[in-house]
Amino acid sequence: MWSWLEQLKEPVISRDDVEALAHKYMDPNKAFYSLEKGQYQTLLCIIDCVAQLRDLPFDVEDAILARAIRAFTKVSFDADEGPKVYNTLKTILKPILEEKQAKLADCDVSNNCAQNVDLQIH
């Protein structure tokens, strides 16, 4: 998926999208779902995959989120706008990832979940 994202001519999340998200970060779910359907569905695919990985060290999880942000925005952290892009998106994506991880953990504890649990949050 990384290589597919990196081959796209235009970023999945534009600078204008990041700017709009920066004003909505107080409610990560609302901000996330304010993106176009294709944008948030593609992001959701990555977040779902990361949530399935158990007991990731913080630095590894952080590196995966940074890689996702770079792939989706085509902005490196070292760019002038890099810190704003990364901080905005991480502020939105991290709580969504944590909520998905919590749902998976609850599912494991209860042993009462279907194999393919739909973890979409709204």
PDB file of N, CA and C in Angstrom:
ATOM      1  N   MET A   1       0.818  -1.188   0.000  1.00  0.00           N
ATOM      2  CA  MET A   1       0.000   0.000   0.000  1.00  0.00           C
ATOM      3  C   MET A   1       0.862   1.252   0.000  1.00  0.00           C
ATOM      4  N   TRP A   2       1.997   1.195   0.743  1.00  0.00           N
ATOM      5  CA  TRP A   2       2.874   2.368   0.773  1.00  0.00           C
ATOM      6  C   TRP A   2       3.310   2.744  -0.630  1.00  0.00           C
ATOM      7  N   SER A   3       3.759   1.766  -1.381  1.00  0.00           N
ATOM      8  CA  SER A   3       4.278   2.088  -2.717  1.00  0.00           C
ATOM      9  C   SER A   3       3.174   2.644  -3.609  1.00  0.00           C
ATOM     10  N   TRP A   4       1.954   2.127  -3.481  1.00  0.00           N
ATOM     11  CA  TRP A   4       0.843   2.657  -4.271  1.00  0.00           C
ATOM     12  C   TRP A   4       0.609   4.122  -3.917  1.00  0.00           C
ATOM     13  N   LEU A   5       0.566   4.424  -2.626  1.00  0.00           N
ATOM     14  CA  LEU A   5       0.357   5.810  -2.189  1.00  0.00           C
ATOM     15  C   LEU A   5       1.473   6.722  -2.674  1.00  0.00           C
ATOM     16  N   GLU A   6       2.699   6.229  -2.594  1.00  0.00           N
ATOM     17  CA  GLU A   6       3.843   7.051  -2.981  1.00  0.00           C
ATOM     18  C   GLU A   6       3.930   7.262  -4.484  1.00  0.00           C
ATOM     19  N   GLN A   7       3.281   6.420  -5.266  1.00  0.00           N
ATOM     20  CA  GLN A   7       3.288   6.568  -6.722  1.00  0.00           C
ATOM     21  C   GLN A   7       2.232   7.552  -7.225  1.00  0.00           C
ATOM     22  N   LEU A   8       1.278   7.908  -6.395  1.00  0.00           N
ATOM     23  CA  LEU A   8       0.230   8.835  -6.815  1.00  0.00           C
ATOM     24  C   LEU A   8       0.826  10.208  -7.117  1.00  0.00           C
ATOM     25  N   LYS A   9       0.326  10.843  -8.170  1.00  0.00           N
ATOM     26  CA  LYS A   9       0.836  12.170  -8.525  1.00  0.00           C
ATOM     27  C   LYS A   9       0.427  13.219  -7.498  1.00  0.00           C
ATOM     28  N   GLU A  10      -0.795  13.122  -7.018  1.00  0.00           N
ATOM     29  CA  GLU A  10      -1.310  14.070  -6.034  1.00  0.00           C
ATOM     30  C   GLU A  10      -1.437  13.362  -4.686  1.00  0.00           C
ATOM     31  N   PRO A  11      -1.212  14.079  -3.602  1.00  0.00           N
ATOM     32  CA  PRO A  11      -1.384  13.443  -2.290  1.00  0.00           C
ATOM     33  C   PRO A  11      -2.847  13.126  -2.013  1.00  0.00           C
ATOM     34  N   VAL A  12      -3.073  12.101  -1.236  1.00  0.00           N
ATOM     35  CA  VAL A  12      -4.432  11.734  -0.845  1.00  0.00           C
ATOM     36  C   VAL A  12      -5.022  12.835   0.039  1.00  0.00           C
ATOM     37  N   ILE A  13      -4.191  13.407   0.893  1.00  0.00           N
ATOM     38  CA  ILE A  13      -4.608  14.512   1.763  1.00  0.00           C
ATOM     39  C   ILE A  13      -3.783  15.736   1.382  1.00  0.00           C
ATOM     40  N   SER A  14      -4.459  16.746   0.868  1.00  0.00           N
ATOM     41  CA  SER A  14      -3.782  17.959   0.397  1.00  0.00           C
ATOM     42  C   SER A  14      -3.476  18.902   1.561  1.00  0.00           C
ATOM     43  N   ARG A  15      -2.703  19.916   1.263  1.00  0.00           N
ATOM     44  CA  ARG A  15      -2.408  20.930   2.282  1.00  0.00           C
ATOM     45  C   ARG A  15      -3.681  21.656   2.701  1.00  0.00           C
ATOM     46  N   ASP A  16      -4.586  21.860   1.751  1.00  0.00           N
ATOM     47  CA  ASP A  16      -5.878  22.479   2.090  1.00  0.00           C
ATOM     48  C   ASP A  16      -6.670  21.593   3.050  1.00  0.00           C
ATOM     49  N   ASP A  17      -6.614  20.277   2.820  1.00  0.00           N
ATOM     50  CA  ASP A  17      -7.292  19.341   3.727  1.00  0.00           C
ATOM     51  C   ASP A  17      -6.705  19.444   5.132  1.00  0.00           C
ATOM     52  N   VAL A  18      -5.374  19.498   5.208  1.00  0.00           N
ATOM     53  CA  VAL A  18      -4.704  19.597   6.510  1.00  0.00           C
ATOM     54  C   VAL A  18      -5.111  20.894   7.200  1.00  0.00           C
ATOM     55  N   GLU A  19      -5.162  21.970   6.434  1.00  0.00           N
ATOM     56  CA  GLU A  19      -5.566  23.265   6.994  1.00  0.00           C
ATOM     57  C   GLU A  19      -6.987  23.189   7.555  1.00  0.00           C
ATOM     58  N   ALA A  20      -7.884  22.560   6.814  1.00  0.00           N
ATOM     59  CA  ALA A  20      -9.268  22.407   7.284  1.00  0.00           C
ATOM     60  C   ALA A  20      -9.317  21.524   8.530  1.00  0.00           C
ATOM     61  N   LEU A  21      -8.525  20.461   8.543  1.00  0.00           N
ATOM     62  CA  LEU A  21      -8.499  19.560   9.695  1.00  0.00           C
ATOM     63  C   LEU A  21      -7.936  20.245  10.938  1.00  0.00           C
ATOM     64  N   ALA A  22      -7.008  21.162  10.731  1.00  0.00           N
ATOM     65  CA  ALA A  22      -6.384  21.859  11.859  1.00  0.00           C
ATOM     66  C   ALA A  22      -7.415  22.614  12.691  1.00  0.00           C
ATOM     67  N   HIS A  23      -8.511  22.998  12.076  1.00  0.00           N
ATOM     68  CA  HIS A  23      -9.561  23.727  12.790  1.00  0.00           C
ATOM     69  C   HIS A  23     -10.568  22.788  13.451  1.00  0.00           C
ATOM     70  N   LYS A  24     -10.435  21.490  13.206  1.00  0.00           N
ATOM     71  CA  LYS A  24     -11.412  20.519  13.721  1.00  0.00           C
ATOM     72  C   LYS A  24     -10.787  19.486  14.652  1.00  0.00           C
ATOM     73  N   TYR A  25      -9.516  19.662  14.998  1.00  0.00           N
ATOM     74  CA  TYR A  25      -8.792  18.626  15.724  1.00  0.00           C
ATOM     75  C   TYR A  25      -9.349  18.329  17.119  1.00  0.00           C
ATOM     76  N   MET A  26     -10.150  19.229  17.673  1.00  0.00           N
ATOM     77  CA  MET A  26     -10.689  19.004  19.020  1.00  0.00           C
ATOM     78  C   MET A  26     -11.631  17.797  19.066  1.00  0.00           C
ATOM     79  N   ASP A  27     -12.211  17.463  17.938  1.00  0.00           N
ATOM     80  CA  ASP A  27     -13.073  16.280  17.840  1.00  0.00           C
ATOM     81  C   ASP A  27     -12.507  15.403  16.725  1.00  0.00           C
ATOM     82  N   PRO A  28     -11.576  14.487  17.077  1.00  0.00           N
ATOM     83  CA  PRO A  28     -10.902  13.688  16.050  1.00  0.00           C
ATOM     84  C   PRO A  28     -11.841  12.930  15.119  1.00  0.00           C
ATOM     85  N   ASN A  29     -12.918  12.353  15.660  1.00  0.00           N
ATOM     86  CA  ASN A  29     -13.850  11.613  14.801  1.00  0.00           C
ATOM     87  C   ASN A  29     -14.519  12.530  13.793  1.00  0.00           C
ATOM     88  N   LYS A  30     -14.978  13.673  14.261  1.00  0.00           N
ATOM     89  CA  LYS A  30     -15.628  14.633  13.367  1.00  0.00           C
ATOM     90  C   LYS A  30     -14.644  15.102  12.297  1.00  0.00           C
ATOM     91  N   ALA A  31     -13.422  15.392  12.705  1.00  0.00           N
ATOM     92  CA  ALA A  31     -12.402  15.825  11.750  1.00  0.00           C
ATOM     93  C   ALA A  31     -12.128  14.724  10.729  1.00  0.00           C
ATOM     94  N   PHE A  32     -11.938  13.503  11.223  1.00  0.00           N
ATOM     95  CA  PHE A  32     -11.615  12.374  10.349  1.00  0.00           C
ATOM     96  C   PHE A  32     -12.694  12.162   9.296  1.00  0.00           C
ATOM     97  N   TYR A  33     -13.934  12.154   9.745  1.00  0.00           N
ATOM     98  CA  TYR A  33     -15.031  11.883   8.817  1.00  0.00           C
ATOM     99  C   TYR A  33     -15.452  13.105   8.014  1.00  0.00           C
ATOM    100  N   SER A  34     -14.793  14.240   8.238  1.00  0.00           N
ATOM    101  CA  SER A  34     -15.046  15.402   7.386  1.00  0.00           C
ATOM    102  C   SER A  34     -14.263  15.303   6.077  1.00  0.00           C
ATOM    103  N   LEU A  35     -13.303  14.386   6.040  1.00  0.00           N
ATOM    104  CA  LEU A  35     -12.583  14.134   4.791  1.00  0.00           C
ATOM    105  C   LEU A  35     -13.532  13.480   3.797  1.00  0.00           C
ATOM    106  N   GLU A  36     -13.148  13.509   2.540  1.00  0.00           N
ATOM    107  CA  GLU A  36     -13.951  12.811   1.536  1.00  0.00           C
ATOM    108  C   GLU A  36     -13.896  11.311   1.819  1.00  0.00           C
ATOM    109  N   LYS A  37     -14.924  10.607   1.381  1.00  0.00           N
ATOM    110  CA  LYS A  37     -15.050   9.178   1.680  1.00  0.00           C
ATOM    111  C   LYS A  37     -13.806   8.388   1.264  1.00  0.00           C
ATOM    112  N   GLY A  38     -13.287   8.627   0.085  1.00  0.00           N
ATOM    113  CA  GLY A  38     -12.102   7.908  -0.376  1.00  0.00           C
ATOM    114  C   GLY A  38     -10.891   8.173   0.495  1.00  0.00           C
ATOM    115  N   GLN A  39     -10.769   9.403   0.980  1.00  0.00           N
ATOM    116  CA  GLN A  39      -9.647   9.757   1.840  1.00  0.00           C
ATOM    117  C   GLN A  39      -9.733   9.019   3.175  1.00  0.00           C
ATOM    118  N   TYR A  40     -10.885   9.130   3.837  1.00  0.00           N
ATOM    119  CA  TYR A  40     -10.940   8.507   5.159  1.00  0.00           C
ATOM    120  C   TYR A  40     -10.993   6.987   5.069  1.00  0.00           C
ATOM    121  N   GLN A  41     -11.557   6.428   3.997  1.00  0.00           N
ATOM    122  CA  GLN A  41     -11.576   4.966   3.854  1.00  0.00           C
ATOM    123  C   GLN A  41     -10.158   4.424   3.656  1.00  0.00           C
ATOM    124  N   THR A  42      -9.348   5.141   2.889  1.00  0.00           N
ATOM    125  CA  THR A  42      -7.965   4.708   2.669  1.00  0.00           C
ATOM    126  C   THR A  42      -7.176   4.817   3.966  1.00  0.00           C
ATOM    127  N   LEU A  43      -7.337   5.918   4.680  1.00  0.00           N
ATOM    128  CA  LEU A  43      -6.693   6.070   5.986  1.00  0.00           C
ATOM    129  C   LEU A  43      -7.168   4.991   6.958  1.00  0.00           C
ATOM    130  N   LEU A  44      -8.451   4.710   6.927  1.00  0.00           N
ATOM    131  CA  LEU A  44      -9.033   3.709   7.812  1.00  0.00           C
ATOM    132  C   LEU A  44      -8.425   2.332   7.567  1.00  0.00           C
ATOM    133  N   CYS A  45      -8.122   2.033   6.328  1.00  0.00           N
ATOM    134  CA  CYS A  45      -7.488   0.757   5.989  1.00  0.00           C
ATOM    135  C   CYS A  45      -6.145   0.623   6.714  1.00  0.00           C
ATOM    136  N   ILE A  46      -5.348   1.681   6.671  1.00  0.00           N
ATOM    137  CA  ILE A  46      -4.044   1.667   7.344  1.00  0.00           C
ATOM    138  C   ILE A  46      -4.232   1.583   8.860  1.00  0.00           C
ATOM    139  N   ILE A  47      -5.138   2.390   9.391  1.00  0.00           N
ATOM    140  CA  ILE A  47      -5.366   2.401  10.837  1.00  0.00           C
ATOM    141  C   ILE A  47      -5.864   1.041  11.318  1.00  0.00           C
ATOM    142  N   ASP A  48      -6.752   0.418  10.557  1.00  0.00           N
ATOM    143  CA  ASP A  48      -7.233  -0.919  10.918  1.00  0.00           C
ATOM    144  C   ASP A  48      -6.083  -1.920  10.969  1.00  0.00           C
ATOM    145  N   CYS A  49      -5.190  -1.849   9.998  1.00  0.00           N
ATOM    146  CA  CYS A  49      -4.037  -2.765   9.977  1.00  0.00           C
ATOM    147  C   CYS A  49      -3.140  -2.548  11.189  1.00  0.00           C
ATOM    148  N   VAL A  50      -2.865  -1.286  11.510  1.00  0.00           N
ATOM    149  CA  VAL A  50      -2.010  -0.983  12.659  1.00  0.00           C
ATOM    150  C   VAL A  50      -2.686  -1.431  13.954  1.00  0.00           C
ATOM    151  N   ALA A  51      -3.986  -1.243  14.057  1.00  0.00           N
ATOM    152  CA  ALA A  51      -4.718  -1.642  15.266  1.00  0.00           C
ATOM    153  C   ALA A  51      -4.633  -3.149  15.495  1.00  0.00           C
ATOM    154  N   GLN A  52      -4.534  -3.920  14.427  1.00  0.00           N
ATOM    155  CA  GLN A  52      -4.455  -5.378  14.538  1.00  0.00           C
ATOM    156  C   GLN A  52      -3.110  -5.845  15.102  1.00  0.00           C
ATOM    157  N   LEU A  53      -2.082  -5.007  14.986  1.00  0.00           N
ATOM    158  CA  LEU A  53      -0.767  -5.353  15.517  1.00  0.00           C
ATOM    159  C   LEU A  53      -0.799  -5.168  17.026  1.00  0.00           C
ATOM    160  N   ARG A  54      -0.473  -6.201  17.744  1.00  0.00           N
ATOM    161  CA  ARG A  54      -0.611  -6.166  19.201  1.00  0.00           C
ATOM    162  C   ARG A  54       0.677  -5.727  19.877  1.00  0.00           C
ATOM    163  N   ASP A  55       0.521  -4.979  20.938  1.00  0.00           N
ATOM    164  CA  ASP A  55       1.625  -4.604  21.825  1.00  0.00           C
ATOM    165  C   ASP A  55       2.809  -3.987  21.088  1.00  0.00           C
ATOM    166  N   LEU A  56       2.519  -3.085  20.171  1.00  0.00           N
ATOM    167  CA  LEU A  56       3.593  -2.379  19.485  1.00  0.00           C
ATOM    168  C   LEU A  56       4.267  -1.409  20.448  1.00  0.00           C
ATOM    169  N   PRO A  57       5.590  -1.361  20.434  1.00  0.00           N
ATOM    170  CA  PRO A  57       6.253  -0.324  21.225  1.00  0.00           C
ATOM    171  C   PRO A  57       5.817   1.057  20.717  1.00  0.00           C
ATOM    172  N   PHE A  58       5.780   2.019  21.619  1.00  0.00           N
ATOM    173  CA  PHE A  58       5.323   3.361  21.282  1.00  0.00           C
ATOM    174  C   PHE A  58       6.078   3.930  20.086  1.00  0.00           C
ATOM    175  N   ASP A  59       7.413   3.748  20.074  1.00  0.00           N
ATOM    176  CA  ASP A  59       8.202   4.336  18.990  1.00  0.00           C
ATOM    177  C   ASP A  59       7.895   3.694  17.638  1.00  0.00           C
ATOM    178  N   VAL A  60       7.571   2.419  17.625  1.00  0.00           N
ATOM    179  CA  VAL A  60       7.226   1.740  16.371  1.00  0.00           C
ATOM    180  C   VAL A  60       5.865   2.230  15.874  1.00  0.00           C
ATOM    181  N   GLU A  61       4.902   2.319  16.778  1.00  0.00           N
ATOM    182  CA  GLU A  61       3.581   2.826  16.410  1.00  0.00           C
ATOM    183  C   GLU A  61       3.691   4.261  15.888  1.00  0.00           C
ATOM    184  N   ASP A  62       4.496   5.064  16.562  1.00  0.00           N
ATOM    185  CA  ASP A  62       4.709   6.453  16.154  1.00  0.00           C
ATOM    186  C   ASP A  62       5.355   6.515  14.768  1.00  0.00           C
ATOM    187  N   ALA A  63       6.315   5.633  14.515  1.00  0.00           N
ATOM    188  CA  ALA A  63       6.980   5.594  13.206  1.00  0.00           C
ATOM    189  C   ALA A  63       5.999   5.191  12.102  1.00  0.00           C
ATOM    190  N   ILE A  64       5.103   4.268  12.401  1.00  0.00           N
ATOM    191  CA  ILE A  64       4.102   3.853  11.407  1.00  0.00           C
ATOM    192  C   ILE A  64       3.160   5.012  11.100  1.00  0.00           C
ATOM    193  N   LEU A  65       2.714   5.723  12.133  1.00  0.00           N
ATOM    194  CA  LEU A  65       1.847   6.884  11.903  1.00  0.00           C
ATOM    195  C   LEU A  65       2.571   7.956  11.093  1.00  0.00           C
ATOM    196  N   ALA A  66       3.845   8.188  11.411  1.00  0.00           N
ATOM    197  CA  ALA A  66       4.623   9.182  10.658  1.00  0.00           C
ATOM    198  C   ALA A  66       4.757   8.763   9.195  1.00  0.00           C
ATOM    199  N   ARG A  67       4.996   7.491   8.972  1.00  0.00           N
ATOM    200  CA  ARG A  67       5.109   6.997   7.591  1.00  0.00           C
ATOM    201  C   ARG A  67       3.783   7.150   6.851  1.00  0.00           C
ATOM    202  N   ALA A  68       2.685   6.861   7.528  1.00  0.00           N
ATOM    203  CA  ALA A  68       1.365   7.018   6.913  1.00  0.00           C
ATOM    204  C   ALA A  68       1.106   8.481   6.571  1.00  0.00           C
ATOM    205  N   ILE A  69       1.432   9.363   7.484  1.00  0.00           N
ATOM    206  CA  ILE A  69       1.220  10.793   7.236  1.00  0.00           C
ATOM    207  C   ILE A  69       2.049  11.246   6.044  1.00  0.00           C
ATOM    208  N   ARG A  70       3.292  10.820   5.990  1.00  0.00           N
ATOM    209  CA  ARG A  70       4.150  11.188   4.855  1.00  0.00           C
ATOM    210  C   ARG A  70       3.593  10.632   3.546  1.00  0.00           C
ATOM    211  N   ALA A  71       3.127   9.395   3.566  1.00  0.00           N
ATOM    212  CA  ALA A  71       2.592   8.773   2.350  1.00  0.00           C
ATOM    213  C   ALA A  71       1.306   9.459   1.892  1.00  0.00           C
ATOM    214  N   PHE A  72       0.451   9.833   2.827  1.00  0.00           N
ATOM    215  CA  PHE A  72      -0.832  10.438   2.473  1.00  0.00           C
ATOM    216  C   PHE A  72      -0.717  11.897   2.062  1.00  0.00           C
ATOM    217  N   THR A  73       0.286  12.597   2.596  1.00  0.00           N
ATOM    218  CA  THR A  73       0.397  14.034   2.322  1.00  0.00           C
ATOM    219  C   THR A  73       1.532  14.401   1.376  1.00  0.00           C
ATOM    220  N   LYS A  74       2.487  13.487   1.212  1.00  0.00           N
ATOM    221  CA  LYS A  74       3.697  13.759   0.436  1.00  0.00           C
ATOM    222  C   LYS A  74       4.483  14.934   1.025  1.00  0.00           C
ATOM    223  N   VAL A  75       4.400  15.086   2.343  1.00  0.00           N
ATOM    224  CA  VAL A  75       5.138  16.128   3.061  1.00  0.00           C
ATOM    225  C   VAL A  75       6.057  15.430   4.057  1.00  0.00           C
ATOM    226  N   SER A  76       7.338  15.737   3.993  1.00  0.00           N
ATOM    227  CA  SER A  76       8.260  15.158   4.966  1.00  0.00           C
ATOM    228  C   SER A  76       8.257  16.024   6.222  1.00  0.00           C
ATOM    229  N   PHE A  77       8.624  15.425   7.323  1.00  0.00           N
ATOM    230  CA  PHE A  77       8.616  16.163   8.581  1.00  0.00           C
ATOM    231  C   PHE A  77       9.579  17.343   8.530  1.00  0.00           C
ATOM    232  N   ASP A  78      10.635  17.224   7.735  1.00  0.00           N
ATOM    233  CA  ASP A  78      11.652  18.271   7.640  1.00  0.00           C
ATOM    234  C   ASP A  78      11.224  19.459   6.788  1.00  0.00           C
ATOM    235  N   ALA A  79      10.134  19.334   6.047  1.00  0.00           N
ATOM    236  CA  ALA A  79       9.657  20.440   5.214  1.00  0.00           C
ATOM    237  C   ALA A  79       9.186  21.584   6.109  1.00  0.00           C
ATOM    238  N   ASP A  80       9.103  22.770   5.532  1.00  0.00           N
ATOM    239  CA  ASP A  80       8.670  23.943   6.304  1.00  0.00           C
ATOM    240  C   ASP A  80       7.343  23.706   7.015  1.00  0.00           C
ATOM    241  N   GLU A  81       6.395  23.125   6.297  1.00  0.00           N
ATOM    242  CA  GLU A  81       5.072  22.888   6.886  1.00  0.00           C
ATOM    243  C   GLU A  81       4.978  21.510   7.543  1.00  0.00           C
ATOM    244  N   GLY A  82       6.069  20.750   7.528  1.00  0.00           N
ATOM    245  CA  GLY A  82       6.075  19.392   8.065  1.00  0.00           C
ATOM    246  C   GLY A  82       5.564  19.257   9.486  1.00  0.00           C
ATOM    247  N   PRO A  83       6.106  20.020  10.440  1.00  0.00           N
ATOM    248  CA  PRO A  83       5.629  19.872  11.817  1.00  0.00           C
ATOM    249  C   PRO A  83       4.127  20.134  11.969  1.00  0.00           C
ATOM    250  N   LYS A  84       3.605  21.130  11.279  1.00  0.00           N
ATOM    251  CA  LYS A  84       2.167  21.419  11.378  1.00  0.00           C
ATOM    252  C   LYS A  84       1.348  20.265  10.805  1.00  0.00           C
ATOM    253  N   VAL A  85       1.770  19.751   9.645  1.00  0.00           N
ATOM    254  CA  VAL A  85       1.062  18.639   9.006  1.00  0.00           C
ATOM    255  C   VAL A  85       1.074  17.418   9.921  1.00  0.00           C
ATOM    256  N   TYR A  86       2.249  17.066  10.427  1.00  0.00           N
ATOM    257  CA  TYR A  86       2.374  15.876  11.266  1.00  0.00           C
ATOM    258  C   TYR A  86       1.605  16.026  12.577  1.00  0.00           C
ATOM    259  N   ASN A  87       1.737  17.179  13.219  1.00  0.00           N
ATOM    260  CA  ASN A  87       1.042  17.377  14.496  1.00  0.00           C
ATOM    261  C   ASN A  87      -0.469  17.373  14.317  1.00  0.00           C
ATOM    262  N   THR A  88      -0.954  18.013  13.261  1.00  0.00           N
ATOM    263  CA  THR A  88      -2.399  18.043  13.003  1.00  0.00           C
ATOM    264  C   THR A  88      -2.930  16.635  12.779  1.00  0.00           C
ATOM    265  N   LEU A  89      -2.295  15.899  11.873  1.00  0.00           N
ATOM    266  CA  LEU A  89      -2.802  14.565  11.543  1.00  0.00           C
ATOM    267  C   LEU A  89      -2.601  13.574  12.685  1.00  0.00           C
ATOM    268  N   LYS A  90      -1.486  13.674  13.383  1.00  0.00           N
ATOM    269  CA  LYS A  90      -1.264  12.753  14.499  1.00  0.00           C
ATOM    270  C   LYS A  90      -2.290  13.004  15.605  1.00  0.00           C
ATOM    271  N   THR A  91      -2.638  14.266  15.838  1.00  0.00           N
ATOM    272  CA  THR A  91      -3.636  14.610  16.847  1.00  0.00           C
ATOM    273  C   THR A  91      -4.990  13.996  16.514  1.00  0.00           C
ATOM    274  N   ILE A  92      -5.263  13.823  15.239  1.00  0.00           N
ATOM    275  CA  ILE A  92      -6.531  13.241  14.800  1.00  0.00           C
ATOM    276  C   ILE A  92      -6.450  11.715  14.726  1.00  0.00           C
ATOM    277  N   LEU A  93      -5.360  11.200  14.164  1.00  0.00           N
ATOM    278  CA  LEU A  93      -5.256   9.761  13.920  1.00  0.00           C
ATOM    279  C   LEU A  93      -4.984   8.944  15.183  1.00  0.00           C
ATOM    280  N   LYS A  94      -4.199   9.470  16.091  1.00  0.00           N
ATOM    281  CA  LYS A  94      -3.820   8.713  17.289  1.00  0.00           C
ATOM    282  C   LYS A  94      -5.035   8.302  18.127  1.00  0.00           C
ATOM    283  N   PRO A  95      -5.972   9.216  18.442  1.00  0.00           N
ATOM    284  CA  PRO A  95      -7.149   8.787  19.218  1.00  0.00           C
ATOM    285  C   PRO A  95      -8.022   7.772  18.476  1.00  0.00           C
ATOM    286  N   ILE A  96      -8.092   7.895  17.173  1.00  0.00           N
ATOM    287  CA  ILE A  96      -8.882   6.936  16.391  1.00  0.00           C
ATOM    288  C   ILE A  96      -8.225   5.560  16.458  1.00  0.00           C
ATOM    289  N   LEU A  97      -6.904   5.524  16.322  1.00  0.00           N
ATOM    290  CA  LEU A  97      -6.168   4.267  16.442  1.00  0.00           C
ATOM    291  C   LEU A  97      -6.355   3.673  17.840  1.00  0.00           C
ATOM    292  N   GLU A  98      -6.243   4.493  18.865  1.00  0.00           N
ATOM    293  CA  GLU A  98      -6.394   3.995  20.236  1.00  0.00           C
ATOM    294  C   GLU A  98      -7.797   3.446  20.479  1.00  0.00           C
ATOM    295  N   GLU A  99      -8.806   4.087  19.909  1.00  0.00           N
ATOM    296  CA  GLU A  99     -10.174   3.590  20.075  1.00  0.00           C
ATOM    297  C   GLU A  99     -10.340   2.231  19.395  1.00  0.00           C
ATOM    298  N   LYS A 100      -9.750   2.077  18.223  1.00  0.00           N
ATOM    299  CA  LYS A 100      -9.834   0.793  17.524  1.00  0.00           C
ATOM    300  C   LYS A 100      -9.092  -0.292  18.305  1.00  0.00           C
ATOM    301  N   GLN A 101      -7.926   0.057  18.857  1.00  0.00           N
ATOM    302  CA  GLN A 101      -7.174  -0.904  19.657  1.00  0.00           C
ATOM    303  C   GLN A 101      -7.970  -1.318  20.897  1.00  0.00           C
ATOM    304  N   ALA A 102      -8.640  -0.361  21.524  1.00  0.00           N
ATOM    305  CA  ALA A 102      -9.451  -0.669  22.707  1.00  0.00           C
ATOM    306  C   ALA A 102     -10.611  -1.590  22.343  1.00  0.00           C
ATOM    307  N   LYS A 103     -11.235  -1.350  21.206  1.00  0.00           N
ATOM    308  CA  LYS A 103     -12.333  -2.216  20.774  1.00  0.00           C
ATOM    309  C   LYS A 103     -11.833  -3.633  20.523  1.00  0.00           C
ATOM    310  N   LEU A 104     -10.654  -3.748  19.937  1.00  0.00           N
ATOM    311  CA  LEU A 104     -10.082  -5.077  19.716  1.00  0.00           C
ATOM    312  C   LEU A 104      -9.752  -5.755  21.044  1.00  0.00           C
ATOM    313  N   ALA A 105      -9.207  -5.001  21.986  1.00  0.00           N
ATOM    314  CA  ALA A 105      -8.875  -5.567  23.296  1.00  0.00           C
ATOM    315  C   ALA A 105     -10.142  -6.023  24.008  1.00  0.00           C
ATOM    316  N   ASP A 106     -11.206  -5.223  23.946  1.00  0.00           N
ATOM    317  CA  ASP A 106     -12.485  -5.615  24.543  1.00  0.00           C
ATOM    318  C   ASP A 106     -13.012  -6.881  23.892  1.00  0.00           C
ATOM    319  N   CYS A 107     -12.830  -6.965  22.603  1.00  0.00           N
ATOM    320  CA  CYS A 107     -13.280  -8.124  21.840  1.00  0.00           C
ATOM    321  C   CYS A 107     -12.526  -9.372  22.316  1.00  0.00           C
ATOM    322  N   ASP A 108     -11.216  -9.231  22.527  1.00  0.00           N
ATOM    323  CA  ASP A 108     -10.407 -10.353  22.994  1.00  0.00           C
ATOM    324  C   ASP A 108     -10.829 -10.796  24.389  1.00  0.00           C
ATOM    325  N   VAL A 109     -11.106  -9.842  25.260  1.00  0.00           N
ATOM    326  CA  VAL A 109     -11.476 -10.148  26.636  1.00  0.00           C
ATOM    327  C   VAL A 109     -12.812 -10.868  26.688  1.00  0.00           C
ATOM    328  N   SER A 110     -13.749 -10.411  25.915  1.00  0.00           N
ATOM    329  CA  SER A 110     -15.081 -11.016  25.965  1.00  0.00           C
ATOM    330  C   SER A 110     -15.167 -12.308  25.167  1.00  0.00           C
ATOM    331  N   ASN A 111     -14.222 -12.530  24.262  1.00  0.00           N
ATOM    332  CA  ASN A 111     -14.259 -13.699  23.379  1.00  0.00           C
ATOM    333  C   ASN A 111     -15.624 -13.858  22.732  1.00  0.00           C
ATOM    334  N   ASN A 112     -16.264 -12.764  22.507  1.00  0.00           N
ATOM    335  CA  ASN A 112     -17.634 -12.793  22.039  1.00  0.00           C
ATOM    336  C   ASN A 112     -17.774 -12.083  20.696  1.00  0.00           C
ATOM    337  N   CYS A 113     -16.695 -11.987  19.963  1.00  0.00           N
ATOM    338  CA  CYS A 113     -16.717 -11.228  18.715  1.00  0.00           C
ATOM    339  C   CYS A 113     -16.576 -12.153  17.517  1.00  0.00           C
ATOM    340  N   ALA A 114     -17.166 -11.725  16.461  1.00  0.00           N
ATOM    341  CA  ALA A 114     -16.995 -12.447  15.200  1.00  0.00           C
ATOM    342  C   ALA A 114     -15.556 -12.259  14.735  1.00  0.00           C
ATOM    343  N   GLN A 115     -15.099 -13.128  13.873  1.00  0.00           N
ATOM    344  CA  GLN A 115     -13.729 -13.062  13.387  1.00  0.00           C
ATOM    345  C   GLN A 115     -13.423 -11.738  12.705  1.00  0.00           C
ATOM    346  N   ASN A 116     -14.320 -11.245  11.905  1.00  0.00           N
ATOM    347  CA  ASN A 116     -14.094  -9.992  11.187  1.00  0.00           C
ATOM    348  C   ASN A 116     -14.990  -8.903  11.762  1.00  0.00           C
ATOM    349  N   VAL A 117     -14.530  -8.299  12.827  1.00  0.00           N
ATOM    350  CA  VAL A 117     -15.301  -7.256  13.489  1.00  0.00           C
ATOM    351  C   VAL A 117     -15.173  -5.963  12.698  1.00  0.00           C
ATOM    352  N   ASP A 118     -16.297  -5.322  12.466  1.00  0.00           N
ATOM    353  CA  ASP A 118     -16.279  -4.021  11.807  1.00  0.00           C
ATOM    354  C   ASP A 118     -15.989  -2.977  12.868  1.00  0.00           C
ATOM    355  N   LEU A 119     -14.839  -2.324  12.754  1.00  0.00           N
ATOM    356  CA  LEU A 119     -14.408  -1.388  13.777  1.00  0.00           C
ATOM    357  C   LEU A 119     -14.656   0.060  13.408  1.00  0.00           C
ATOM    358  N   GLN A 120     -15.500   0.317  12.455  1.00  0.00           N
ATOM    359  CA  GLN A 120     -15.753   1.699  12.070  1.00  0.00           C
ATOM    360  C   GLN A 120     -16.362   2.437  13.248  1.00  0.00           C
ATOM    361  N   ILE A 121     -15.840   3.637  13.487  1.00  0.00           N
ATOM    362  CA  ILE A 121     -16.360   4.472  14.556  1.00  0.00           C
ATOM    363  C   ILE A 121     -16.993   5.704  13.955  1.00  0.00           C
ATOM    364  N   HIS A 122     -18.024   6.151  14.573  1.00  0.00           N
ATOM    365  CA  HIS A 122     -18.697   7.370  14.093  1.00  0.00           C
ATOM    366  C   HIS A 122     -19.101   8.206  15.267  1.00  0.00           C
TER     367      HIS A 122
END
